[in-house]
């Protein structure tokens, strides 16, 4: 498993403490450059938000091209 972005400071889901900087969400969202990493699956892990214990994803879009 390869992690492209981890902003978890408390190791809440138990997958390790993240080293990436937190970001403030904007209407444009967050672009994560995979830098050519080949993948078949993408996993998003959350442990609630800073407001509630519920996870809340409005929209997730993933774009890529077929691996030859």
Protein backbone atom coordinates (compact mmCIF):
# COMPACT_ATOMS: atom_id res chain seq x y z
CA UNK A 1 0.00 0.00 0.00
CA UNK A 2 1.30 3.46 -0.91
CA UNK A 3 -0.01 6.61 0.74
CA UNK A 4 -0.14 9.78 -1.36
CA UNK A 5 -1.58 12.14 1.27
CA UNK A 6 -1.85 11.72 5.04
CA UNK A 7 -2.80 14.74 7.17
CA UNK A 8 -3.75 12.70 10.25
CA UNK A 9 -1.92 14.11 13.29
CA UNK A 10 -3.49 11.80 15.89
CA UNK A 11 -3.29 8.43 14.07
CA UNK A 12 -7.08 8.26 14.52
CA UNK A 13 -7.80 5.32 12.16
CA UNK A 14 -4.56 3.57 13.16
CA UNK A 15 -2.77 3.89 9.82
CA UNK A 16 0.11 6.06 11.01
CA UNK A 17 0.71 9.71 11.72
CA UNK A 18 0.73 11.85 8.59
CA UNK A 19 3.60 14.08 7.56
CA UNK A 20 1.64 16.18 5.04
CA UNK A 21 0.43 19.68 5.84
CA UNK A 22 -3.24 20.22 6.54
CA UNK A 23 -5.16 22.32 4.08
CA UNK A 24 -8.18 24.58 4.12
CA UNK A 25 -10.86 23.33 1.74
CA UNK A 26 -11.88 25.72 -1.03
CA UNK A 27 -14.56 25.58 -3.71
CA UNK A 28 -11.83 24.31 -6.05
CA UNK A 29 -11.10 21.28 -3.86
CA UNK A 30 -7.74 19.62 -3.34
CA UNK A 31 -5.59 18.36 -6.22
CA UNK A 32 -3.34 15.46 -5.27
CA UNK A 33 -0.65 14.75 -7.85
CA UNK A 34 0.01 11.00 -7.91
CA UNK A 35 3.30 11.65 -9.76
CA UNK A 36 2.91 8.66 -12.07
CA UNK A 37 2.03 6.08 -9.41
CA UNK A 38 0.24 3.11 -10.98
CA UNK A 39 -2.84 2.01 -9.03
CA UNK A 40 -5.98 -0.02 -9.44
CA UNK A 41 -7.80 1.06 -6.27
CA UNK A 42 -8.08 4.26 -4.29
CA UNK A 43 -9.06 4.29 -0.62
CA UNK A 44 -10.22 7.27 1.41
CA UNK A 45 -10.10 6.82 5.18
CA UNK A 46 -11.82 9.20 7.62
CA UNK A 47 -12.60 9.21 11.29
CA UNK A 48 -15.19 11.95 11.43
CA UNK A 49 -14.54 15.65 11.20
CA UNK A 50 -13.61 18.35 13.65
CA UNK A 51 -17.34 19.19 13.96
CA UNK A 52 -18.99 15.74 14.25
CA UNK A 53 -18.03 12.06 14.42
CA UNK A 54 -19.62 11.47 11.01
CA UNK A 55 -17.63 11.33 7.78
CA UNK A 56 -18.79 13.73 5.12
CA UNK A 57 -17.59 13.58 1.52
CA UNK A 58 -19.39 15.90 -0.87
CA UNK A 59 -17.66 14.71 -4.01
CA UNK A 60 -14.60 12.71 -4.98
CA UNK A 61 -13.37 12.64 -8.56
CA UNK A 62 -10.50 10.51 -9.78
CA UNK A 63 -9.00 10.86 -13.23
CA UNK A 64 -6.40 8.62 -14.77
CA UNK A 65 -5.40 6.71 -17.85
CA UNK A 66 -5.16 3.01 -18.56
CA UNK A 67 -1.89 1.33 -17.66
CA UNK A 68 -0.39 -0.46 -20.65
